Amino acid sequence: VRIPVGHWIFGPDYPYHPSYGESRHPFVTGGIDVLDRAMDWAQKLGLRVMLDLHAAPGCQNGFDNGGIMGVVEWHTKPEYLEHSLRVLERLAERYRAHPALHAIEVLNEPRWDVPTEYLKAYYLAAYDRIRKHCPAERVAVVFHDGFRSYREFLGFMQAPQWQNVIFDYHRYQCFDRRDIDTDIYGHMTKAAIEWRDEADSINAAMGLPAVCGEWSLGLDLRVVSLWAEGPYNHALEHMDAFQQDVASRGYAAAQVLAFEKLFGWFFWSYKTETTPAWCFRDCVERGWMPSNFR
């Protein structure tokens, strides 16, 4: 299970950003206590956890999930980078002996215009901070493609110098206008053929195990961000309930076909209040996805 955390996970000790206004520390407190409980729940249920630094100071992508909408300044100040590294190290130190800890992802979805060399330098520094406390034989270090071709990371962080490193990329079909406007057959074809072939290419070229760290059955942008224009759901809008059910099952199967070629995958998310297409639990209960992948 992939658990996202914000850079404020340890409380109000993070750098100030002008968007905060008069609120010096605007983010919710107490997260680390909840994370402690989640780790213990995972251990009890036999689940392995990937901790994921989902939001960095200054925001790494300008998305709502990065902490500050419309701002991409994480890479512009040394204190933002240092705080990110410090949070990763504290997570590694806190959970280094926890049986549920399986991996730490050093940053979620840095935007495409964050320079690749800056990203690589950060990834290397993050690896070193995590390895101070978590040996390679126990905990993987995961880095994201930053919305750029995997080819920009060919030869990067290879063994034997770097051990137990995983490459992560995310795939959706609800953000690009061409995807939004296509029919369900186009969605399934893209997943079953294009994404399958992409997985094969990544496996052959990267020299690292790869995971698809986020995917869903979502085709409607409106439920991703309530501020977005929409709703868009052209692929299913003229179908009755039975047809939508069959289409959802087919779209899920096409994606599983592609991502099962990888080292692993994570559905986003386990449970949500918005729509079943983004809720793993609902997808299984409705029969769109199998209840057992073994």
Protein backbone atom coordinates (compact mmCIF):
# COMPACT_ATOMS: atom_id res chain seq x y z
CA VAL A 1 0.00 0.00 0.00
CA ARG A 2 1.30 3.46 -0.93
CA ILE A 3 0.75 6.06 1.81
CA PRO A 4 1.16 9.73 0.79
CA VAL A 5 2.44 12.22 3.36
CA GLY A 6 2.96 15.97 3.25
CA HIS A 7 6.17 17.73 4.21
CA TRP A 8 4.31 18.93 7.35
CA ILE A 9 3.95 15.34 8.64
CA PHE A 10 6.14 16.04 11.69
CA GLY A 11 4.38 19.27 12.60
CA PRO A 12 4.93 23.03 12.23
CA ASP A 13 8.66 23.11 11.52
CA TYR A 14 8.56 23.73 7.76
CA PRO A 15 9.65 26.74 5.68
CA TYR A 16 7.23 29.61 5.20
CA HIS A 17 5.75 30.40 1.78
CA PRO A 18 4.14 33.77 0.92
CA SER A 19 0.93 32.01 -0.13
CA TYR A 20 0.37 31.13 3.54
CA GLY A 21 -0.32 34.79 4.30
CA GLU A 22 -0.67 35.46 8.01
CA SER A 23 -0.97 31.77 8.80
CA ARG A 24 2.62 30.79 9.55
CA HIS A 25 1.85 27.07 9.63
CA PRO A 26 -1.44 26.43 7.80
CA PHE A 27 -1.32 22.64 7.50
CA VAL A 28 -3.04 20.20 9.82
CA THR A 29 -1.02 18.80 12.71
CA GLY A 30 -0.99 15.34 14.25
CA GLY A 31 -0.29 13.46 11.03
CA ILE A 32 2.64 11.51 12.39
CA ASP A 33 0.46 9.89 15.06
CA VAL A 34 -2.00 8.76 12.39
CA LEU A 35 0.87 7.43 10.29
CA ASP A 36 2.16 5.44 13.27
CA ARG A 37 -1.25 3.80 13.56
CA ALA A 38 -1.42 3.13 9.82
CA MET A 39 1.96 1.41 9.90
CA ASP A 40 0.82 -0.81 12.76
CA TRP A 41 -2.43 -1.64 10.96
CA ALA A 42 -0.45 -2.60 7.88
CA GLN A 43 1.78 -4.89 9.92
CA LYS A 44 -1.22 -6.56 11.52
CA LEU A 45 -2.81 -7.18 8.10
CA GLY A 46 0.39 -8.37 6.44
CA LEU A 47 0.64 -5.35 4.13
CA ARG A 48 3.88 -3.77 2.99
CA VAL A 49 4.03 0.03 2.93
CA MET A 50 5.59 2.48 0.51
CA LEU A 51 5.81 5.89 2.17
CA ASP A 52 5.53 8.67 -0.40
CA LEU A 53 6.54 12.32 0.08
CA HIS A 54 3.50 13.63 -1.76
CA ALA A 55 3.84 17.37 -1.13
CA ALA A 56 7.09 19.31 -0.76
CA PRO A 57 7.68 22.84 0.56
CA GLY A 58 7.21 25.45 -2.13
CA CYS A 59 5.21 22.81 -4.08
CA GLN A 60 6.88 20.62 -6.66
CA ASN A 61 4.10 20.60 -9.27
CA GLY A 62 1.51 23.35 -8.84
CA PHE A 63 -1.25 20.80 -8.27
CA ASP A 64 -3.55 20.58 -5.27
CA ASN A 65 -1.78 17.36 -4.27
CA GLY A 66 1.51 19.27 -4.02
CA GLY A 67 0.24 21.55 -1.26
CA ILE A 68 -0.05 24.90 -3.08
CA MET A 69 -2.18 25.24 -6.20
CA GLY A 70 -0.57 27.18 -9.04
CA VAL A 71 2.88 27.42 -7.42
CA VAL A 72 5.97 25.47 -8.52
CA GLU A 73 8.84 26.76 -6.39
CA TRP A 74 10.18 23.69 -4.61
CA HIS A 75 13.30 23.71 -6.77
CA THR A 76 14.01 27.44 -6.34
CA LYS A 77 15.21 27.60 -2.72
CA PRO A 78 17.81 25.47 -0.94
CA GLU A 79 15.75 25.43 2.26
CA TYR A 80 12.87 23.74 0.42
CA LEU A 81 15.14 20.98 -0.80
CA GLU A 82 16.81 20.57 2.58
CA HIS A 83 13.50 20.33 4.40
CA SER A 84 12.36 17.63 1.97
CA LEU A 85 15.53 15.65 2.63
CA ARG A 86 15.17 16.11 6.37
CA VAL A 87 11.60 14.78 6.31
CA LEU A 88 12.72 11.72 4.35
CA GLU A 89 15.53 11.06 6.78
CA ARG A 90 13.23 11.40 9.78
CA LEU A 91 10.76 8.96 8.21
CA ALA A 92 13.58 6.51 7.52
CA GLU A 93 14.89 6.82 11.06
CA ARG A 94 11.46 6.50 12.66
CA TYR A 95 10.37 3.40 10.76
CA ARG A 96 13.69 1.72 9.97
CA ALA A 97 12.88 -1.26 12.18
CA HIS A 98 9.16 -1.37 11.44
CA PRO A 99 8.24 -4.66 9.73
CA ALA A 100 5.68 -2.94 7.47
CA LEU A 101 8.12 -0.52 5.84
CA HIS A 102 8.96 -1.73 2.34
CA ALA A 103 9.91 1.41 0.39
CA ILE A 104 10.16 5.20 0.52
CA GLU A 105 9.30 7.32 -2.51
CA VAL A 106 11.36 10.49 -2.37
CA LEU A 107 8.95 12.85 -4.18
CA ASN A 108 5.58 12.53 -5.89
CA GLU A 109 5.10 13.95 -9.39
CA PRO A 110 7.61 16.79 -9.67
CA ARG A 111 6.48 18.85 -12.65
CA TRP A 112 7.92 18.48 -16.13
CA ASP A 113 9.67 21.88 -16.00
CA VAL A 114 11.72 21.09 -12.89
CA PRO A 115 15.17 20.59 -14.45
CA THR A 116 16.10 16.94 -14.84
CA GLU A 117 19.60 17.46 -13.46
CA TYR A 118 18.17 19.14 -10.36
CA LEU A 119 15.81 16.21 -9.88
CA LYS A 120 18.61 13.69 -10.27
CA ALA A 121 20.77 15.49 -7.72
CA TYR A 122 17.87 15.49 -5.28
CA TYR A 123 17.17 11.80 -5.87
CA LEU A 124 20.80 10.94 -5.16
CA ALA A 125 20.83 13.02 -1.99
CA ALA A 126 17.55 11.47 -0.87
CA TYR A 127 18.95 7.98 -1.40
CA ASP A 128 21.91 8.80 0.85
CA ARG A 129 19.68 10.21 3.60
CA ILE A 130 17.43 7.16 3.59
CA ARG A 131 20.34 4.71 3.49
CA LYS A 132 21.74 6.20 6.70
CA HIS A 133 18.96 4.34 8.49
CA CYS A 134 17.42 1.81 6.09
CA PRO A 135 19.64 -0.84 4.48
CA ALA A 136 19.06 -1.80 0.87
CA GLU A 137 18.16 -5.37 1.76
CA ARG A 138 15.12 -4.12 3.69
CA VAL A 139 13.87 -0.88 2.13
CA ALA A 140 13.64 0.26 -1.48
CA VAL A 141 14.17 3.85 -2.60
CA VAL A 142 11.69 4.97 -5.26
CA PHE A 143 11.89 7.93 -7.64
CA HIS A 144 9.27 9.33 -10.04
CA ASP A 145 9.79 10.12 -13.72
CA GLY A 146 8.77 13.76 -13.26
CA PHE A 147 6.41 13.60 -16.26
CA ARG A 148 9.24 13.06 -18.72
CA SER A 149 10.44 10.14 -20.77
CA TYR A 150 12.04 7.26 -18.91
CA ARG A 151 14.88 7.65 -21.42
CA GLU A 152 16.10 10.69 -19.46
CA PHE A 153 16.92 8.29 -16.61
CA LEU A 154 18.66 5.56 -18.56
CA GLY A 155 21.81 4.54 -16.70
CA PHE A 156 20.73 6.45 -13.58
CA MET A 157 21.12 4.98 -10.07
CA GLN A 158 22.29 1.60 -11.28
CA ALA A 159 23.73 -1.25 -9.24
CA PRO A 160 26.13 -1.96 -7.70
CA GLN A 161 26.62 1.61 -6.42
CA TRP A 162 22.90 2.11 -5.77
CA GLN A 163 20.94 -0.85 -4.46
CA ASN A 164 17.21 -1.60 -4.36
CA VAL A 165 16.11 1.43 -6.40
CA ILE A 166 12.71 1.48 -8.14
CA PHE A 167 11.48 3.66 -11.01
CA ASP A 168 7.91 4.99 -10.74
CA TYR A 169 5.57 6.44 -13.35
CA HIS A 170 1.84 7.26 -13.33
CA ARG A 171 -0.78 6.75 -16.03
CA TYR A 172 -4.25 8.26 -16.38
CA GLN A 173 -6.64 8.93 -19.24
CA CYS A 174 -8.64 11.84 -17.83
CA PHE A 175 -6.35 14.88 -18.09
CA ASP A 176 -5.34 15.19 -21.74
CA ARG A 177 -8.03 16.59 -24.02
CA ARG A 178 -7.55 13.79 -26.55
CA ASP A 179 -8.07 11.17 -23.88
CA ILE A 180 -11.12 12.93 -22.48
CA ASP A 181 -12.79 12.99 -25.89
CA THR A 182 -12.11 9.39 -26.92
CA ASP A 183 -14.57 6.51 -26.66
CA ILE A 184 -14.20 3.51 -24.37
CA TYR A 185 -12.65 1.41 -27.14
CA GLY A 186 -9.92 4.02 -27.53
CA HIS A 187 -9.29 3.99 -23.79
CA MET A 188 -8.98 0.21 -23.69
CA THR A 189 -6.77 0.11 -26.77
CA LYS A 190 -4.41 2.69 -25.31
CA ALA A 191 -4.10 0.71 -22.09
CA ALA A 192 -3.87 -2.77 -23.55
CA ILE A 193 -1.51 -1.95 -26.41
CA GLU A 194 0.31 1.38 -25.92
CA TRP A 195 0.78 1.04 -22.17
CA ARG A 196 1.63 -2.64 -22.46
CA ASP A 197 4.32 -1.89 -25.04
CA GLU A 198 5.58 0.99 -22.91
CA ALA A 199 5.95 -1.34 -19.93
CA ASP A 200 7.93 -3.77 -22.07
CA SER A 201 10.22 -0.96 -23.25
CA ILE A 202 10.82 0.30 -19.72
CA ASN A 203 11.59 -3.20 -18.47
CA ALA A 204 14.05 -3.75 -21.30
CA ALA A 205 15.88 -0.43 -21.06
CA MET A 206 15.84 0.95 -17.51
CA GLY A 207 18.02 -1.52 -15.68
CA LEU A 208 15.75 -0.91 -12.67
CA PRO A 209 12.50 -2.50 -11.58
CA ALA A 210 9.56 -0.24 -12.45
CA VAL A 211 6.13 0.33 -10.93
CA CYS A 212 3.07 2.23 -12.03
CA GLY A 213 2.54 4.14 -8.81
CA GLU A 214 -0.86 5.57 -9.76
CA TRP A 215 -3.70 4.58 -12.07
CA SER A 216 -7.47 4.38 -11.84
CA LEU A 217 -10.62 3.75 -13.84
CA GLY A 218 -11.36 7.47 -13.79
CA LEU A 219 -12.34 9.08 -17.09
CA ASP A 220 -14.01 12.15 -15.59
CA LEU A 221 -11.76 15.07 -14.69
CA ARG A 222 -14.41 16.64 -12.49
CA VAL A 223 -14.00 14.08 -9.74
CA VAL A 224 -10.23 14.49 -9.68
CA SER A 225 -10.36 18.18 -8.83
CA LEU A 226 -13.57 19.87 -7.81
CA TRP A 227 -12.20 23.16 -9.16
CA ALA A 228 -11.75 21.76 -12.67
CA GLU A 229 -14.06 22.44 -15.57
CA GLY A 230 -16.33 19.56 -16.30
CA PRO A 231 -17.72 17.05 -15.91
CA TYR A 232 -16.21 15.16 -18.82
CA ASN A 233 -17.18 11.55 -19.20
CA HIS A 234 -17.72 11.21 -22.93
CA ALA A 235 -16.67 7.55 -23.02
CA LEU A 236 -19.58 6.41 -20.85
CA GLU A 237 -22.19 9.16 -21.08
CA HIS A 238 -24.48 7.41 -23.59
CA MET A 239 -24.35 3.99 -21.93
CA ASP A 240 -26.92 2.45 -19.63
CA ALA A 241 -25.88 1.02 -16.26
CA PHE A 242 -25.18 -2.46 -17.63
CA GLN A 243 -23.03 -1.12 -20.46
CA GLN A 244 -21.09 1.11 -18.06
CA ASP A 245 -20.48 -1.89 -15.83
CA VAL A 246 -19.10 -3.96 -18.71
CA ALA A 247 -17.00 -1.04 -19.97
CA SER A 248 -15.50 -0.46 -16.53
CA ARG A 249 -14.60 -4.13 -16.26
CA GLY A 250 -12.94 -4.06 -19.66
CA TYR A 251 -11.00 -0.87 -18.96
CA ALA A 252 -9.75 -2.31 -15.67
CA ALA A 253 -8.66 -5.55 -17.34
CA ALA A 254 -6.80 -3.68 -20.08
CA GLN A 255 -4.81 -1.68 -17.54
CA VAL A 256 -4.04 -4.67 -15.35
CA LEU A 257 -2.79 -6.45 -18.48
CA ALA A 258 -0.26 -3.65 -18.98
CA PHE A 259 0.82 -3.00 -15.41
CA GLU A 260 1.16 -6.65 -14.42
CA LYS A 261 4.22 -6.65 -16.66
CA LEU A 262 5.92 -4.33 -14.17
CA PHE A 263 7.49 -4.99 -10.79
CA GLY A 264 4.24 -3.75 -9.22
CA TRP A 265 1.44 -1.19 -9.33
CA PHE A 266 -0.71 0.93 -7.03
CA PHE A 267 -4.32 1.89 -7.72
CA TRP A 268 -5.25 5.47 -6.76
CA SER A 269 -6.88 5.26 -4.35
CA TYR A 270 -8.08 2.64 -1.89
CA LYS A 271 -11.20 4.54 -0.84
CA THR A 272 -12.70 7.86 -1.87
CA GLU A 273 -15.98 9.67 -1.30
CA THR A 274 -16.28 10.92 -4.87
CA THR A 275 -16.77 8.09 -7.36
CA PRO A 276 -16.29 4.32 -7.61
CA ALA A 277 -13.90 4.65 -10.57
CA TRP A 278 -11.28 6.11 -8.21
CA CYS A 279 -12.03 3.74 -5.33
CA PHE A 280 -10.30 0.34 -5.31
CA ARG A 281 -12.74 -0.95 -2.75
CA ASP A 282 -15.74 -0.05 -4.86
CA CYS A 283 -14.11 -1.45 -8.00
CA VAL A 284 -13.66 -4.83 -6.32
CA GLU A 285 -17.13 -4.83 -4.74
CA ARG A 286 -18.74 -4.02 -8.11
CA GLY A 287 -16.79 -6.77 -9.85
CA TRP A 288 -14.82 -4.40 -12.07
CA MET A 289 -11.58 -5.73 -10.61
CA PRO A 290 -10.74 -9.11 -9.09
CA SER A 291 -10.59 -9.47 -5.33
CA ASN A 292 -7.43 -11.59 -5.47
CA PHE A 293 -4.40 -10.87 -7.66
CA ARG A 294 -2.30 -13.84 -6.56
